[in-house]
Amino acid sequence: MAFCHARDFLFCGMCGTLLSFDSLDFANCPLCGFKRVAKGTPSPMLRAKDIRRELEIEPFIVLETTSIDEVVQRAVVNESCPQCHHPQLEYYTRQLRSADEGQTVFYECPECRHKFSLNT
């Protein structure tokens, strides 16, 4: 817990908000305007994973990993390839734009490996 207490310089003493280090001399609270001298404090260059590890907090997003030997089977749709006219295309979807807009569908031809995408 000593590690965590040494990092209290990152937070406002008045309201607890994360301080903004706009200069090397002062740390400012963006919420209440509290100002703290930054000289003599530990370096503000911390990684989020160091703080999460000390506080025993799980990461916000857990990335899925696949091994190189594992083959990913994609869904298949009965549409012809625009390049070689193969009758089926493999596809997968991703939400690349904001949540209130449609997803992006990525197609790949298993025959000629032509790739293209459509925003739905």
N, C-alpha and C. Protein backbone atom coordinates (compact mmCIF):
# COMPACT_ATOMS: atom_id res chain seq x y z
N MET A 1 0.81 -1.19 0.00
CA MET A 1 0.00 0.00 0.00
C MET A 1 0.86 1.26 0.00
N ALA A 2 2.14 1.15 0.38
CA ALA A 2 3.03 2.31 0.36
C ALA A 2 3.18 2.83 -1.06
N PHE A 3 3.17 1.94 -2.02
CA PHE A 3 3.25 2.32 -3.44
C PHE A 3 2.10 3.24 -3.79
N CYS A 4 0.91 2.91 -3.33
CA CYS A 4 -0.29 3.69 -3.63
C CYS A 4 -0.23 5.06 -2.95
N HIS A 5 0.22 5.15 -1.69
CA HIS A 5 0.29 6.42 -0.99
C HIS A 5 1.33 7.34 -1.60
N ALA A 6 2.39 6.78 -2.16
CA ALA A 6 3.41 7.60 -2.82
C ALA A 6 2.86 8.23 -4.08
N ARG A 7 1.76 7.74 -4.59
CA ARG A 7 1.17 8.26 -5.83
C ARG A 7 0.02 9.24 -5.56
N ASP A 8 -0.19 9.65 -4.32
CA ASP A 8 -1.27 10.59 -4.00
C ASP A 8 -1.06 11.95 -4.65
N PHE A 9 0.16 12.26 -5.10
CA PHE A 9 0.42 13.53 -5.75
C PHE A 9 -0.33 13.64 -7.07
N LEU A 10 -0.86 12.56 -7.59
CA LEU A 10 -1.59 12.58 -8.85
C LEU A 10 -3.00 13.13 -8.70
N PHE A 11 -3.51 13.20 -7.46
CA PHE A 11 -4.90 13.54 -7.25
C PHE A 11 -5.04 14.82 -6.43
N CYS A 12 -6.09 15.58 -6.69
CA CYS A 12 -6.36 16.83 -6.00
C CYS A 12 -6.63 16.57 -4.52
N GLY A 13 -6.01 17.38 -3.65
CA GLY A 13 -6.22 17.26 -2.22
C GLY A 13 -7.57 17.78 -1.78
N MET A 14 -8.24 18.55 -2.63
CA MET A 14 -9.54 19.14 -2.28
C MET A 14 -10.71 18.26 -2.73
N CYS A 15 -10.68 17.82 -4.00
CA CYS A 15 -11.85 17.09 -4.53
C CYS A 15 -11.53 15.67 -5.01
N GLY A 16 -10.25 15.30 -5.10
CA GLY A 16 -9.89 13.94 -5.49
C GLY A 16 -9.79 13.71 -6.99
N THR A 17 -9.94 14.75 -7.80
CA THR A 17 -9.85 14.62 -9.25
C THR A 17 -8.40 14.42 -9.68
N LEU A 18 -8.18 13.71 -10.76
CA LEU A 18 -6.85 13.51 -11.30
C LEU A 18 -6.27 14.85 -11.74
N LEU A 19 -5.07 15.17 -11.25
CA LEU A 19 -4.44 16.45 -11.57
C LEU A 19 -3.90 16.47 -12.98
N SER A 20 -3.84 17.64 -13.56
CA SER A 20 -3.29 17.83 -14.90
C SER A 20 -1.92 18.49 -14.77
N PHE A 21 -0.88 17.86 -15.31
CA PHE A 21 0.47 18.40 -15.27
C PHE A 21 0.71 19.17 -16.56
N ASP A 22 0.25 20.42 -16.59
CA ASP A 22 0.41 21.26 -17.78
C ASP A 22 1.82 21.82 -17.90
N SER A 23 2.53 21.92 -16.78
CA SER A 23 3.91 22.39 -16.80
C SER A 23 4.72 21.51 -15.85
N LEU A 24 6.03 21.72 -15.85
CA LEU A 24 6.89 20.96 -14.95
C LEU A 24 6.88 21.52 -13.53
N ASP A 25 6.33 22.73 -13.36
CA ASP A 25 6.35 23.39 -12.06
C ASP A 25 5.08 23.19 -11.24
N PHE A 26 3.92 23.11 -11.92
CA PHE A 26 2.66 23.06 -11.20
C PHE A 26 1.75 21.95 -11.74
N ALA A 27 0.93 21.42 -10.85
CA ALA A 27 -0.12 20.49 -11.22
C ALA A 27 -1.44 21.17 -10.89
N ASN A 28 -2.37 21.20 -11.85
CA ASN A 28 -3.65 21.90 -11.68
C ASN A 28 -4.80 20.91 -11.66
N CYS A 29 -5.81 21.20 -10.85
CA CYS A 29 -7.05 20.42 -10.85
C CYS A 29 -8.00 21.04 -11.86
N PRO A 30 -8.43 20.27 -12.87
CA PRO A 30 -9.33 20.84 -13.88
C PRO A 30 -10.74 21.09 -13.34
N LEU A 31 -11.09 20.51 -12.18
CA LEU A 31 -12.44 20.66 -11.65
C LEU A 31 -12.57 21.85 -10.70
N CYS A 32 -11.72 21.90 -9.67
CA CYS A 32 -11.88 22.95 -8.66
C CYS A 32 -10.80 24.03 -8.73
N GLY A 33 -9.78 23.85 -9.59
CA GLY A 33 -8.75 24.87 -9.74
C GLY A 33 -7.61 24.76 -8.74
N PHE A 34 -7.60 23.76 -7.89
CA PHE A 34 -6.52 23.56 -6.91
C PHE A 34 -5.19 23.47 -7.65
N LYS A 35 -4.15 24.10 -7.09
CA LYS A 35 -2.84 24.12 -7.71
C LYS A 35 -1.82 23.57 -6.73
N ARG A 36 -0.97 22.67 -7.17
CA ARG A 36 0.05 22.07 -6.32
C ARG A 36 1.41 22.23 -6.99
N VAL A 37 2.42 22.52 -6.20
CA VAL A 37 3.78 22.61 -6.73
C VAL A 37 4.23 21.21 -7.11
N ALA A 38 4.76 21.05 -8.31
CA ALA A 38 5.15 19.74 -8.80
C ALA A 38 6.60 19.41 -8.50
N LYS A 39 7.40 20.39 -8.08
CA LYS A 39 8.81 20.11 -7.79
C LYS A 39 8.91 19.23 -6.54
N GLY A 40 9.80 18.27 -6.59
CA GLY A 40 10.00 17.37 -5.47
C GLY A 40 9.04 16.21 -5.43
N THR A 41 8.07 16.20 -6.33
CA THR A 41 7.14 15.07 -6.39
C THR A 41 7.70 14.03 -7.34
N PRO A 42 7.29 12.79 -7.21
CA PRO A 42 7.74 11.77 -8.14
C PRO A 42 7.28 12.09 -9.56
N SER A 43 7.91 11.48 -10.51
CA SER A 43 7.58 11.73 -11.92
C SER A 43 6.13 11.35 -12.21
N PRO A 44 5.40 12.22 -12.93
CA PRO A 44 4.01 11.90 -13.25
C PRO A 44 3.87 10.90 -14.38
N MET A 45 4.96 10.41 -14.92
CA MET A 45 4.90 9.47 -16.03
C MET A 45 4.63 8.05 -15.51
N LEU A 46 3.39 7.79 -15.21
CA LEU A 46 2.98 6.49 -14.73
C LEU A 46 2.17 5.80 -15.80
N ARG A 47 2.20 4.52 -15.77
CA ARG A 47 1.37 3.76 -16.68
C ARG A 47 0.12 3.33 -15.94
N ALA A 48 -0.99 3.33 -16.66
CA ALA A 48 -2.26 2.94 -16.06
C ALA A 48 -2.20 1.51 -15.53
N LYS A 49 -1.48 0.64 -16.22
CA LYS A 49 -1.43 -0.75 -15.76
C LYS A 49 -0.69 -0.88 -14.43
N ASP A 50 0.27 0.03 -14.13
CA ASP A 50 0.94 0.00 -12.83
C ASP A 50 -0.04 0.33 -11.71
N ILE A 51 -0.88 1.33 -11.93
CA ILE A 51 -1.86 1.71 -10.92
C ILE A 51 -2.90 0.62 -10.76
N ARG A 52 -3.38 0.05 -11.88
CA ARG A 52 -4.37 -1.03 -11.79
C ARG A 52 -3.79 -2.24 -11.06
N ARG A 53 -2.53 -2.56 -11.31
CA ARG A 53 -1.91 -3.70 -10.64
C ARG A 53 -1.81 -3.45 -9.14
N GLU A 54 -1.41 -2.25 -8.73
CA GLU A 54 -1.28 -1.95 -7.31
C GLU A 54 -2.62 -1.97 -6.60
N LEU A 55 -3.65 -1.45 -7.25
CA LEU A 55 -4.97 -1.41 -6.65
C LEU A 55 -5.77 -2.69 -6.89
N GLU A 56 -5.15 -3.65 -7.60
CA GLU A 56 -5.75 -4.94 -7.92
C GLU A 56 -7.07 -4.77 -8.67
N ILE A 57 -7.04 -3.92 -9.70
CA ILE A 57 -8.19 -3.67 -10.56
C ILE A 57 -7.96 -4.37 -11.88
N GLU A 58 -8.97 -5.06 -12.38
CA GLU A 58 -8.87 -5.74 -13.67
C GLU A 58 -8.84 -4.72 -14.80
N PRO A 59 -8.20 -5.03 -15.91
CA PRO A 59 -8.21 -4.13 -17.07
C PRO A 59 -9.63 -3.93 -17.57
N PHE A 60 -9.88 -2.75 -18.16
CA PHE A 60 -11.21 -2.45 -18.67
C PHE A 60 -11.57 -3.35 -19.84
N ILE A 61 -10.62 -3.62 -20.71
CA ILE A 61 -10.86 -4.45 -21.88
C ILE A 61 -9.85 -5.59 -21.87
N VAL A 62 -10.33 -6.80 -21.98
CA VAL A 62 -9.46 -7.95 -22.07
C VAL A 62 -9.41 -8.35 -23.54
N LEU A 63 -8.23 -8.26 -24.11
CA LEU A 63 -8.08 -8.60 -25.52
C LEU A 63 -8.02 -10.10 -25.69
N GLU A 64 -8.75 -10.58 -26.68
CA GLU A 64 -8.73 -12.00 -26.98
C GLU A 64 -7.54 -12.28 -27.88
N THR A 65 -6.81 -13.31 -27.57
CA THR A 65 -5.68 -13.67 -28.40
C THR A 65 -5.92 -15.04 -28.99
N THR A 66 -5.46 -15.23 -30.19
CA THR A 66 -5.55 -16.53 -30.83
C THR A 66 -4.15 -16.97 -31.17
N SER A 67 -3.91 -18.23 -31.02
CA SER A 67 -2.59 -18.76 -31.36
C SER A 67 -2.44 -18.84 -32.87
N ILE A 68 -1.22 -18.90 -33.33
CA ILE A 68 -0.95 -18.94 -34.76
C ILE A 68 -1.49 -20.24 -35.36
N ASP A 69 -1.48 -21.31 -34.59
CA ASP A 69 -1.93 -22.61 -35.09
C ASP A 69 -3.45 -22.68 -35.21
N GLU A 70 -4.15 -21.83 -34.48
CA GLU A 70 -5.61 -21.85 -34.48
C GLU A 70 -6.14 -21.17 -35.74
N VAL A 71 -7.00 -21.85 -36.46
CA VAL A 71 -7.58 -21.31 -37.68
C VAL A 71 -8.95 -20.73 -37.34
N VAL A 72 -9.18 -19.50 -37.73
CA VAL A 72 -10.45 -18.83 -37.45
C VAL A 72 -11.41 -19.14 -38.59
N GLN A 73 -12.56 -19.69 -38.26
CA GLN A 73 -13.59 -19.99 -39.25
C GLN A 73 -14.55 -18.82 -39.30
N ARG A 74 -14.63 -18.17 -40.44
CA ARG A 74 -15.52 -17.02 -40.61
C ARG A 74 -16.87 -17.46 -41.15
N ALA A 75 -17.84 -16.61 -40.94
CA ALA A 75 -19.18 -16.86 -41.49
C ALA A 75 -19.13 -16.71 -43.01
N VAL A 76 -20.06 -17.38 -43.69
CA VAL A 76 -20.10 -17.38 -45.15
C VAL A 76 -21.46 -16.86 -45.61
N VAL A 77 -21.45 -16.05 -46.65
CA VAL A 77 -22.67 -15.51 -47.23
C VAL A 77 -22.70 -15.89 -48.72
N ASN A 78 -23.89 -16.14 -49.23
CA ASN A 78 -24.04 -16.53 -50.64
C ASN A 78 -24.14 -15.30 -51.53
N GLU A 79 -23.03 -14.60 -51.69
CA GLU A 79 -22.91 -13.48 -52.61
C GLU A 79 -21.66 -13.70 -53.43
N SER A 80 -21.69 -13.27 -54.68
CA SER A 80 -20.54 -13.54 -55.54
C SER A 80 -19.47 -12.47 -55.37
N CYS A 81 -18.25 -12.88 -55.57
CA CYS A 81 -17.09 -11.98 -55.49
C CYS A 81 -17.12 -11.03 -56.68
N PRO A 82 -16.94 -9.73 -56.46
CA PRO A 82 -16.96 -8.79 -57.58
C PRO A 82 -15.75 -8.94 -58.51
N GLN A 83 -14.72 -9.61 -58.05
CA GLN A 83 -13.51 -9.73 -58.87
C GLN A 83 -13.47 -11.04 -59.66
N CYS A 84 -13.67 -12.19 -58.97
CA CYS A 84 -13.55 -13.49 -59.65
C CYS A 84 -14.90 -14.21 -59.78
N HIS A 85 -15.97 -13.65 -59.22
CA HIS A 85 -17.34 -14.19 -59.29
C HIS A 85 -17.50 -15.54 -58.60
N HIS A 86 -16.66 -15.80 -57.61
CA HIS A 86 -16.84 -16.99 -56.77
C HIS A 86 -18.18 -16.83 -56.05
N PRO A 87 -18.99 -17.90 -55.90
CA PRO A 87 -20.36 -17.76 -55.39
C PRO A 87 -20.50 -17.46 -53.90
N GLN A 88 -19.43 -17.61 -53.11
CA GLN A 88 -19.53 -17.37 -51.67
C GLN A 88 -18.42 -16.44 -51.19
N LEU A 89 -18.74 -15.65 -50.17
CA LEU A 89 -17.78 -14.76 -49.54
C LEU A 89 -17.76 -15.01 -48.04
N GLU A 90 -16.58 -14.93 -47.44
CA GLU A 90 -16.45 -14.98 -45.99
C GLU A 90 -16.61 -13.55 -45.48
N TYR A 91 -17.18 -13.38 -44.27
CA TYR A 91 -17.34 -12.03 -43.74
C TYR A 91 -17.23 -12.00 -42.23
N TYR A 92 -16.94 -10.80 -41.72
CA TYR A 92 -16.98 -10.51 -40.28
C TYR A 92 -17.35 -9.04 -40.13
N THR A 93 -17.81 -8.67 -38.95
CA THR A 93 -18.28 -7.30 -38.73
C THR A 93 -17.50 -6.66 -37.59
N ARG A 94 -17.39 -5.33 -37.64
CA ARG A 94 -16.77 -4.53 -36.59
C ARG A 94 -17.54 -3.23 -36.44
N GLN A 95 -17.63 -2.74 -35.23
CA GLN A 95 -18.25 -1.45 -34.96
C GLN A 95 -17.13 -0.41 -34.97
N LEU A 96 -16.91 0.24 -36.10
CA LEU A 96 -15.81 1.19 -36.24
C LEU A 96 -16.27 2.63 -36.03
N ARG A 97 -17.52 2.90 -36.29
CA ARG A 97 -18.04 4.26 -36.13
C ARG A 97 -18.76 4.36 -34.79
N SER A 98 -19.40 5.46 -34.54
CA SER A 98 -20.07 5.64 -33.25
C SER A 98 -21.20 4.62 -33.08
N ALA A 99 -21.62 4.44 -31.86
CA ALA A 99 -22.58 3.38 -31.54
C ALA A 99 -23.94 3.59 -32.18
N ASP A 100 -24.31 4.84 -32.49
CA ASP A 100 -25.62 5.07 -33.09
C ASP A 100 -25.61 4.91 -34.61
N GLU A 101 -24.47 4.56 -35.17
CA GLU A 101 -24.38 4.29 -36.61
C GLU A 101 -24.18 2.80 -36.82
N GLY A 102 -24.38 2.36 -38.05
CA GLY A 102 -24.29 0.94 -38.36
C GLY A 102 -22.88 0.40 -38.27
N GLN A 103 -22.78 -0.90 -38.34
CA GLN A 103 -21.47 -1.56 -38.28
C GLN A 103 -20.86 -1.67 -39.67
N THR A 104 -19.59 -1.99 -39.72
CA THR A 104 -18.89 -2.19 -40.98
C THR A 104 -18.74 -3.69 -41.21
N VAL A 105 -19.10 -4.15 -42.40
CA VAL A 105 -19.00 -5.57 -42.75
C VAL A 105 -17.80 -5.72 -43.67
N PHE A 106 -16.87 -6.60 -43.29
CA PHE A 106 -15.68 -6.87 -44.09
C PHE A 106 -15.87 -8.21 -44.80
N TYR A 107 -15.71 -8.20 -46.12
CA TYR A 107 -15.85 -9.40 -46.93
C TYR A 107 -14.49 -9.81 -47.47
N GLU A 108 -14.30 -11.13 -47.62
CA GLU A 108 -13.09 -11.66 -48.25
C GLU A 108 -13.46 -12.89 -49.06
N CYS A 109 -12.97 -12.93 -50.28
CA CYS A 109 -13.22 -14.07 -51.15
C CYS A 109 -12.26 -15.19 -50.79
N PRO A 110 -12.75 -16.41 -50.55
CA PRO A 110 -11.86 -17.51 -50.21
C PRO A 110 -11.05 -18.00 -51.42
N GLU A 111 -11.49 -17.63 -52.61
CA GLU A 111 -10.82 -18.09 -53.82
C GLU A 111 -9.65 -17.17 -54.20
N CYS A 112 -9.95 -15.88 -54.43
CA CYS A 112 -8.91 -14.95 -54.92
C CYS A 112 -8.38 -14.02 -53.82
N ARG A 113 -8.94 -14.09 -52.62
CA ARG A 113 -8.54 -13.28 -51.46
C ARG A 113 -8.80 -11.78 -51.64
N HIS A 114 -9.71 -11.44 -52.53
CA HIS A 114 -10.12 -10.05 -52.69
C HIS A 114 -10.86 -9.59 -51.45
N LYS A 115 -10.53 -8.40 -50.94
CA LYS A 115 -11.15 -7.89 -49.71
C LYS A 115 -11.84 -6.57 -50.01
N PHE A 116 -13.01 -6.39 -49.40
CA PHE A 116 -13.71 -5.11 -49.47
C PHE A 116 -14.65 -5.01 -48.29
N SER A 117 -15.16 -3.79 -48.07
CA SER A 117 -16.01 -3.56 -46.90
C SER A 117 -17.22 -2.73 -47.30
N LEU A 118 -18.27 -2.85 -46.50
CA LEU A 118 -19.51 -2.09 -46.67
C LEU A 118 -19.93 -1.54 -45.32
N ASN A 119 -20.34 -0.29 -45.31
CA ASN A 119 -20.91 0.31 -44.09
C ASN A 119 -22.41 0.09 -44.13
N THR A 120 -22.95 -0.57 -43.12
CA THR A 120 -24.38 -0.86 -43.11
C THR A 120 -25.12 0.04 -42.14
